Amino acid sequence: MKNIPKLVFIILVLSILLMLKSSNEPFLFNSQFPIFNQFPIGNSIVLNISLGLFVSALFYYFTVFIPDYRKRKIIKNNYLNQYKHFKQNMISHFLSACETSYPSDLVDTLLDQKEFKSYFSLKVTDSEDKWHVVLNKMDHELLEIMLLEFEAFKESTGYVLNNIEFNQPDSFEFFHHFNKQIVLLKNITDDYDEIKSFSRFLWSLFAGWCWVEGYAEKDRFQEMIDSI
């Protein structure tokens, strides 16, 4: 599907060239470019066919490509904002769990995966870092708030899945898998083992950790949104 606009553009250009070449306009006969010289025979047929292709290509761009492009851009930009707000809200909960106070701009700073990893890896005691403090403070109430944040963001992801025709199967599978993971989170409790499993999921999402590749250089979720 992603190659259709390119194919239509090629047809549009070729149809223009063929119309010029098969045209009876006098100024083209005197052109210094041989490419515009008429065909020996069949010029009227070529002209009619190329004109039909030209109109069809324009029709596609104005009725399909441009509306789809605008819709995709609006949904993509909205989803980017939803993703940013989701991360800001979650980071605020993390900070509230381990800090009595923090600078107002710290939340936006920690949107960067490297900054997040660096900050929550800071030691508060010999045996604990800030991330351990967050997990220790994750009681039933805090867990419920975080799950609600995930559920709200899941709705945004579901809207994207249902209203965008993905050019790349990988991005569709990525978002579909993410929503499936959120569904599986619904029934977790503040049991130690379940919180530990939940923390690994959070750390992979906010710090960019992957068991296979280690820490990612770029935000994988961001890259998937950009590919929409």
C-alpha atoms as a PDB file:
ATOM      1  CA  MET A   1       0.000   0.000   0.000  1.00  0.00           C
ATOM      2  CA  LYS A   2       2.807   2.434   0.785  1.00  0.00           C
ATOM      3  CA  ASN A   3       4.040   2.174  -2.839  1.00  0.00           C
ATOM      4  CA  ILE A   4       0.692   3.079  -4.415  1.00  0.00           C
ATOM      5  CA  PRO A   5       1.181   6.891  -4.173  1.00  0.00           C
ATOM      6  CA  LYS A   6       4.613   6.526  -5.783  1.00  0.00           C
ATOM      7  CA  LEU A   7       3.158   4.370  -8.566  1.00  0.00           C
ATOM      8  CA  VAL A   8       0.333   6.856  -9.165  1.00  0.00           C
ATOM      9  CA  PHE A   9       2.856   9.712  -9.271  1.00  0.00           C
ATOM     10  CA  ILE A  10       4.873   7.855 -11.932  1.00  0.00           C
ATOM     11  CA  ILE A  11       1.671   7.300 -13.938  1.00  0.00           C
ATOM     12  CA  LEU A  12       0.845  11.000 -13.574  1.00  0.00           C
ATOM     13  CA  VAL A  13       4.244  12.082 -14.927  1.00  0.00           C
ATOM     14  CA  LEU A  14       4.191   9.556 -17.782  1.00  0.00           C
ATOM     15  CA  SER A  15       0.674  10.535 -18.771  1.00  0.00           C
ATOM     16  CA  ILE A  16       1.723  14.210 -18.978  1.00  0.00           C
ATOM     17  CA  LEU A  17       4.708  13.313 -21.167  1.00  0.00           C
ATOM     18  CA  LEU A  18       2.549  11.149 -23.427  1.00  0.00           C
ATOM     19  CA  MET A  19      -0.090  13.870 -23.742  1.00  0.00           C
ATOM     20  CA  LEU A  20       2.577  16.367 -24.777  1.00  0.00           C
ATOM     21  CA  LYS A  21       4.146  13.937 -27.231  1.00  0.00           C
ATOM     22  CA  SER A  22       0.869  12.977 -28.888  1.00  0.00           C
ATOM     23  CA  SER A  23      -0.552  16.502 -28.884  1.00  0.00           C
ATOM     24  CA  ASN A  24      -1.191  18.480 -32.097  1.00  0.00           C
ATOM     25  CA  GLU A  25      -0.065  21.768 -30.532  1.00  0.00           C
ATOM     26  CA  PRO A  26       2.192  23.605 -33.049  1.00  0.00           C
ATOM     27  CA  PHE A  27       4.663  24.904 -30.460  1.00  0.00           C
ATOM     28  CA  LEU A  28       5.633  21.314 -29.610  1.00  0.00           C
ATOM     29  CA  PHE A  29       6.492  20.554 -33.228  1.00  0.00           C
ATOM     30  CA  ASN A  30       9.100  23.303 -33.136  1.00  0.00           C
ATOM     31  CA  SER A  31      10.577  22.108 -29.859  1.00  0.00           C
ATOM     32  CA  GLN A  32      14.313  21.460 -29.707  1.00  0.00           C
ATOM     33  CA  PHE A  33      13.655  18.297 -27.712  1.00  0.00           C
ATOM     34  CA  PRO A  34      12.999  15.216 -29.889  1.00  0.00           C
ATOM     35  CA  ILE A  35      11.117  13.585 -27.048  1.00  0.00           C
ATOM     36  CA  PHE A  36       8.145  15.822 -27.875  1.00  0.00           C
ATOM     37  CA  ASN A  37       7.978  14.756 -31.513  1.00  0.00           C
ATOM     38  CA  GLN A  38       4.747  12.914 -32.284  1.00  0.00           C
ATOM     39  CA  PHE A  39       4.557   9.153 -32.732  1.00  0.00           C
ATOM     40  CA  PRO A  40       4.455   7.975 -36.363  1.00  0.00           C
ATOM     41  CA  ILE A  41       0.948   6.571 -35.831  1.00  0.00           C
ATOM     42  CA  GLY A  42      -1.703   6.319 -33.109  1.00  0.00           C
ATOM     43  CA  ASN A  43      -1.295   9.743 -31.588  1.00  0.00           C
ATOM     44  CA  SER A  44      -5.032  10.239 -30.983  1.00  0.00           C
ATOM     45  CA  ILE A  45      -5.253   6.878 -29.181  1.00  0.00           C
ATOM     46  CA  VAL A  46      -2.225   7.646 -27.026  1.00  0.00           C
ATOM     47  CA  LEU A  47      -3.624  11.101 -26.255  1.00  0.00           C
ATOM     48  CA  ASN A  48      -6.989   9.726 -25.123  1.00  0.00           C
ATOM     49  CA  ILE A  49      -5.440   6.970 -22.988  1.00  0.00           C
ATOM     50  CA  SER A  50      -2.883   9.278 -21.382  1.00  0.00           C
ATOM     51  CA  LEU A  51      -5.603  11.865 -20.685  1.00  0.00           C
ATOM     52  CA  GLY A  52      -7.672   9.194 -18.954  1.00  0.00           C
ATOM     53  CA  LEU A  53      -4.686   8.130 -16.871  1.00  0.00           C
ATOM     54  CA  PHE A  54      -3.946  11.743 -15.987  1.00  0.00           C
ATOM     55  CA  VAL A  55      -7.503  12.398 -14.786  1.00  0.00           C
ATOM     56  CA  SER A  56      -7.559   9.129 -12.824  1.00  0.00           C
ATOM     57  CA  ALA A  57      -4.245   9.934 -11.124  1.00  0.00           C
ATOM     58  CA  LEU A  58      -5.453  13.411 -10.144  1.00  0.00           C
ATOM     59  CA  PHE A  59      -8.715  11.910  -8.902  1.00  0.00           C
ATOM     60  CA  TYR A  60      -6.755   9.500  -6.701  1.00  0.00           C
ATOM     61  CA  TYR A  61      -4.616  12.249  -5.167  1.00  0.00           C
ATOM     62  CA  PHE A  62      -7.506  14.571  -4.411  1.00  0.00           C
ATOM     63  CA  THR A  63     -10.045  11.996  -3.206  1.00  0.00           C
ATOM     64  CA  VAL A  64      -7.851   9.302  -1.615  1.00  0.00           C
ATOM     65  CA  PHE A  65      -4.253  10.287  -0.951  1.00  0.00           C
ATOM     66  CA  ILE A  66      -4.686  13.830   0.407  1.00  0.00           C
ATOM     67  CA  PRO A  67      -7.642  13.022   2.752  1.00  0.00           C
ATOM     68  CA  ASP A  68      -5.859   9.886   3.981  1.00  0.00           C
ATOM     69  CA  TYR A  69      -2.630  11.819   4.518  1.00  0.00           C
ATOM     70  CA  ARG A  70      -4.414  14.523   6.527  1.00  0.00           C
ATOM     71  CA  LYS A  71      -6.284  11.943   8.611  1.00  0.00           C
ATOM     72  CA  ARG A  72      -3.086   9.972   9.271  1.00  0.00           C
ATOM     73  CA  LYS A  73      -1.217  13.138  10.275  1.00  0.00           C
ATOM     74  CA  ILE A  74      -3.939  14.258  12.693  1.00  0.00           C
ATOM     75  CA  ILE A  75      -4.198  10.823  14.339  1.00  0.00           C
ATOM     76  CA  LYS A  76      -0.415  10.462  14.505  1.00  0.00           C
ATOM     77  CA  ASN A  77       0.126  13.887  16.100  1.00  0.00           C
ATOM     78  CA  ASN A  78      -2.665  13.266  18.583  1.00  0.00           C
ATOM     79  CA  TYR A  79      -1.193   9.885  19.479  1.00  0.00           C
ATOM     80  CA  LEU A  80       2.240  11.447  19.976  1.00  0.00           C
ATOM     81  CA  ASN A  81       0.684  13.900  22.425  1.00  0.00           C
ATOM     82  CA  GLN A  82      -1.166  11.091  24.208  1.00  0.00           C
ATOM     83  CA  TYR A  83       2.064   9.117  24.513  1.00  0.00           C
ATOM     84  CA  LYS A  84       3.880  12.128  25.943  1.00  0.00           C
ATOM     85  CA  HIS A  85       1.087  12.827  28.454  1.00  0.00           C
ATOM     86  CA  PHE A  86       0.984   9.165  29.450  1.00  0.00           C
ATOM     87  CA  LYS A  87       4.724   9.153  30.152  1.00  0.00           C
ATOM     88  CA  GLN A  88       4.535  12.455  32.028  1.00  0.00           C
ATOM     89  CA  ASN A  89       1.729  11.165  34.250  1.00  0.00           C
ATOM     90  CA  MET A  90       3.521   7.903  34.972  1.00  0.00           C
ATOM     91  CA  ILE A  91       6.834   9.620  35.722  1.00  0.00           C
ATOM     92  CA  SER A  92       4.994  11.977  38.090  1.00  0.00           C
ATOM     93  CA  HIS A  93       3.700   8.942  39.985  1.00  0.00           C
ATOM     94  CA  PHE A  94       7.215   7.464  40.123  1.00  0.00           C
ATOM     95  CA  LEU A  95       8.664  10.709  41.475  1.00  0.00           C
ATOM     96  CA  SER A  96       5.905  11.168  44.014  1.00  0.00           C
ATOM     97  CA  ALA A  97       6.636   7.689  45.325  1.00  0.00           C
ATOM     98  CA  CYS A  98      10.347   8.301  45.907  1.00  0.00           C
ATOM     99  CA  GLU A  99      10.676  12.065  46.377  1.00  0.00           C
ATOM    100  CA  THR A 100       9.185  14.545  48.828  1.00  0.00           C
ATOM    101  CA  SER A 101       9.649  17.309  46.249  1.00  0.00           C
ATOM    102  CA  TYR A 102      11.281  17.745  42.847  1.00  0.00           C
ATOM    103  CA  PRO A 103      11.837  20.502  40.251  1.00  0.00           C
ATOM    104  CA  SER A 104       8.917  21.202  37.945  1.00  0.00           C
ATOM    105  CA  ASP A 105      10.988  20.517  34.829  1.00  0.00           C
ATOM    106  CA  LEU A 106      12.272  17.146  36.049  1.00  0.00           C
ATOM    107  CA  VAL A 107       9.303  15.249  34.600  1.00  0.00           C
ATOM    108  CA  ASP A 108      10.041  16.461  31.070  1.00  0.00           C
ATOM    109  CA  THR A 109      13.754  15.745  31.534  1.00  0.00           C
ATOM    110  CA  LEU A 110      12.983  12.139  32.453  1.00  0.00           C
ATOM    111  CA  LEU A 111      10.988  11.617  29.265  1.00  0.00           C
ATOM    112  CA  ASP A 112      14.374  10.805  27.750  1.00  0.00           C
ATOM    113  CA  GLN A 113      15.184   7.139  28.334  1.00  0.00           C
ATOM    114  CA  LYS A 114      18.843   7.742  29.218  1.00  0.00           C
ATOM    115  CA  GLU A 115      17.924  10.444  31.722  1.00  0.00           C
ATOM    116  CA  PHE A 116      15.276   8.165  33.219  1.00  0.00           C
ATOM    117  CA  LYS A 117      17.719   5.311  33.612  1.00  0.00           C
ATOM    118  CA  SER A 118      20.391   7.569  35.093  1.00  0.00           C
ATOM    119  CA  TYR A 119      18.048   9.232  37.580  1.00  0.00           C
ATOM    120  CA  PHE A 120      16.282   6.148  38.921  1.00  0.00           C
ATOM    121  CA  SER A 121      19.555   4.216  39.120  1.00  0.00           C
ATOM    122  CA  LEU A 122      20.914   6.678  41.677  1.00  0.00           C
ATOM    123  CA  LYS A 123      21.660   5.047  45.012  1.00  0.00           C
ATOM    124  CA  VAL A 124      19.721   6.188  48.069  1.00  0.00           C
ATOM    125  CA  THR A 125      21.285   3.554  50.311  1.00  0.00           C
ATOM    126  CA  ASP A 126      24.002   0.961  49.843  1.00  0.00           C
ATOM    127  CA  SER A 127      21.440  -1.618  48.798  1.00  0.00           C
ATOM    128  CA  GLU A 128      18.704   0.463  47.157  1.00  0.00           C
ATOM    129  CA  ASP A 129      18.399   2.879  44.256  1.00  0.00           C
ATOM    130  CA  LYS A 130      15.504   5.229  43.523  1.00  0.00           C
ATOM    131  CA  TRP A 131      13.725   2.633  41.400  1.00  0.00           C
ATOM    132  CA  HIS A 132      13.677   0.191  44.316  1.00  0.00           C
ATOM    133  CA  VAL A 133      12.128   2.924  46.444  1.00  0.00           C
ATOM    134  CA  VAL A 134       9.361   3.358  43.845  1.00  0.00           C
ATOM    135  CA  LEU A 135       8.650  -0.371  43.864  1.00  0.00           C
ATOM    136  CA  ASN A 136       8.610  -0.504  47.659  1.00  0.00           C
ATOM    137  CA  LYS A 137       6.067   2.332  47.741  1.00  0.00           C
ATOM    138  CA  MET A 138       3.858   0.693  45.136  1.00  0.00           C
ATOM    139  CA  ASP A 139       0.869  -0.193  47.281  1.00  0.00           C
ATOM    140  CA  HIS A 140      -2.611  -1.124  46.097  1.00  0.00           C
ATOM    141  CA  GLU A 141      -3.675   2.510  45.647  1.00  0.00           C
ATOM    142  CA  LEU A 142      -0.636   3.549  43.574  1.00  0.00           C
ATOM    143  CA  LEU A 143      -0.831   0.376  41.507  1.00  0.00           C
ATOM    144  CA  GLU A 144      -4.478   1.042  40.726  1.00  0.00           C
ATOM    145  CA  ILE A 145      -3.700   4.606  39.594  1.00  0.00           C
ATOM    146  CA  MET A 146      -0.948   3.380  37.285  1.00  0.00           C
ATOM    147  CA  LEU A 147      -3.160   0.701  35.774  1.00  0.00           C
ATOM    148  CA  LEU A 148      -5.786   3.356  35.053  1.00  0.00           C
ATOM    149  CA  GLU A 149      -3.137   5.382  33.227  1.00  0.00           C
ATOM    150  CA  PHE A 150      -2.309   2.322  31.132  1.00  0.00           C
ATOM    151  CA  GLU A 151      -5.969   1.651  30.433  1.00  0.00           C
ATOM    152  CA  ALA A 152      -6.511   5.229  29.230  1.00  0.00           C
ATOM    153  CA  PHE A 153      -3.498   5.008  26.942  1.00  0.00           C
ATOM    154  CA  LYS A 154      -4.673   1.619  25.691  1.00  0.00           C
ATOM    155  CA  GLU A 155      -7.813   3.328  24.388  1.00  0.00           C
ATOM    156  CA  SER A 156      -5.675   5.750  22.373  1.00  0.00           C
ATOM    157  CA  THR A 157      -3.625   2.875  20.975  1.00  0.00           C
ATOM    158  CA  GLY A 158      -6.784   0.980  20.084  1.00  0.00           C
ATOM    159  CA  TYR A 159      -8.096   4.003  18.197  1.00  0.00           C
ATOM    160  CA  VAL A 160      -4.886   4.144  16.156  1.00  0.00           C
ATOM    161  CA  LEU A 161      -5.091   0.421  15.383  1.00  0.00           C
ATOM    162  CA  ASN A 162      -8.693   0.747  14.212  1.00  0.00           C
ATOM    163  CA  ASN A 163      -8.342   3.927  12.165  1.00  0.00           C
ATOM    164  CA  ILE A 164      -4.940   3.758  10.504  1.00  0.00           C
ATOM    165  CA  GLU A 165      -3.925   1.524   7.613  1.00  0.00           C
ATOM    166  CA  PHE A 166      -0.386   0.625   8.599  1.00  0.00           C
ATOM    167  CA  ASN A 167       2.327   0.691   5.954  1.00  0.00           C
ATOM    168  CA  GLN A 168       4.562  -1.629   7.965  1.00  0.00           C
ATOM    169  CA  PRO A 169       3.350  -4.871   9.599  1.00  0.00           C
ATOM    170  CA  ASP A 170       5.972  -4.506  12.353  1.00  0.00           C
ATOM    171  CA  SER A 171       4.406  -1.332  13.744  1.00  0.00           C
ATOM    172  CA  PHE A 172       0.904  -2.841  13.721  1.00  0.00           C
ATOM    173  CA  GLU A 173       2.151  -5.944  15.534  1.00  0.00           C
ATOM    174  CA  PHE A 174       4.052  -3.780  18.033  1.00  0.00           C
ATOM    175  CA  PHE A 175       0.995  -1.740  19.057  1.00  0.00           C
ATOM    176  CA  HIS A 176      -1.255  -4.783  19.053  1.00  0.00           C
ATOM    177  CA  HIS A 177       1.201  -6.605  21.344  1.00  0.00           C
ATOM    178  CA  PHE A 178       1.401  -3.554  23.627  1.00  0.00           C
ATOM    179  CA  ASN A 179      -2.381  -3.464  24.031  1.00  0.00           C
ATOM    180  CA  LYS A 180      -2.402  -7.185  24.760  1.00  0.00           C
ATOM    181  CA  GLN A 181       0.163  -6.658  27.508  1.00  0.00           C
ATOM    182  CA  ILE A 182      -2.003  -3.957  29.085  1.00  0.00           C
ATOM    183  CA  VAL A 183      -4.992  -6.316  29.093  1.00  0.00           C
ATOM    184  CA  LEU A 184      -2.863  -8.876  30.950  1.00  0.00           C
ATOM    185  CA  LEU A 185      -1.976  -6.223  33.545  1.00  0.00           C
ATOM    186  CA  LYS A 186      -5.575  -5.702  34.621  1.00  0.00           C
ATOM    187  CA  ASN A 187      -5.618  -8.413  37.269  1.00  0.00           C
ATOM    188  CA  ILE A 188      -2.202  -7.933  38.856  1.00  0.00           C
ATOM    189  CA  THR A 189      -2.037  -7.277  42.605  1.00  0.00           C
ATOM    190  CA  ASP A 190       0.531  -5.738  44.925  1.00  0.00           C
ATOM    191  CA  ASP A 191       1.995  -9.179  45.528  1.00  0.00           C
ATOM    192  CA  TYR A 192       5.813  -9.043  45.496  1.00  0.00           C
ATOM    193  CA  ASP A 193       6.290 -11.346  42.493  1.00  0.00           C
ATOM    194  CA  GLU A 194       3.647  -9.562  40.426  1.00  0.00           C
ATOM    195  CA  ILE A 195       5.079  -6.134  41.277  1.00  0.00           C
ATOM    196  CA  LYS A 196       8.519  -7.383  40.291  1.00  0.00           C
ATOM    197  CA  SER A 197       7.171  -8.539  36.918  1.00  0.00           C
ATOM    198  CA  PHE A 198       5.328  -5.241  36.475  1.00  0.00           C
ATOM    199  CA  SER A 199       8.511  -3.301  37.287  1.00  0.00           C
ATOM    200  CA  ARG A 200      10.395  -5.085  34.492  1.00  0.00           C
ATOM    201  CA  PHE A 201       7.689  -4.041  32.046  1.00  0.00           C
ATOM    202  CA  LEU A 202       7.834  -0.440  33.296  1.00  0.00           C
ATOM    203  CA  TRP A 203      11.625  -0.344  33.135  1.00  0.00           C
ATOM    204  CA  SER A 204      11.647  -1.655  29.568  1.00  0.00           C
ATOM    205  CA  LEU A 205       9.101   0.991  28.521  1.00  0.00           C
ATOM    206  CA  PHE A 206      10.616   4.019  30.265  1.00  0.00           C
ATOM    207  CA  ALA A 207      14.336   3.149  30.333  1.00  0.00           C
ATOM    208  CA  GLY A 208      14.474   1.325  27.004  1.00  0.00           C
ATOM    209  CA  TRP A 209      15.650  -1.997  28.400  1.00  0.00           C
ATOM    210  CA  CYS A 210      15.391  -5.127  26.252  1.00  0.00           C
ATOM    211  CA  TRP A 211      16.456  -8.589  27.408  1.00  0.00           C
ATOM    212  CA  VAL A 212      17.770  -9.397  23.938  1.00  0.00           C
ATOM    213  CA  GLU A 213      19.494  -6.160  22.894  1.00  0.00           C
ATOM    214  CA  GLY A 214      20.122  -4.399  26.208  1.00  0.00           C
ATOM    215  CA  TYR A 215      19.442  -0.664  26.465  1.00  0.00           C
ATOM    216  CA  ALA A 216      18.161   0.905  23.246  1.00  0.00           C
ATOM    217  CA  GLU A 217      19.701   4.075  21.871  1.00  0.00           C
ATOM    218  CA  LYS A 218      16.293   5.402  20.830  1.00  0.00           C
ATOM    219  CA  ASP A 219      12.776   5.177  22.177  1.00  0.00           C
ATOM    220  CA  ARG A 220      11.359   2.109  20.442  1.00  0.00           C
ATOM    221  CA  PHE A 221       7.776   3.231  21.046  1.00  0.00           C
ATOM    222  CA  GLN A 222       8.547   6.636  19.577  1.00  0.00           C
ATOM    223  CA  GLU A 223      10.083   5.016  16.509  1.00  0.00           C
ATOM    224  CA  MET A 224       6.952   2.927  15.973  1.00  0.00           C
ATOM    225  CA  ILE A 225       4.756   6.030  16.163  1.00  0.00           C
ATOM    226  CA  ASP A 226       7.016   7.829  13.686  1.00  0.00           C
ATOM    227  CA  SER A 227       6.601   4.943  11.255  1.00  0.00           C
ATOM    228  CA  ILE A 228       2.814   5.355  11.133  1.00  0.00           C
END
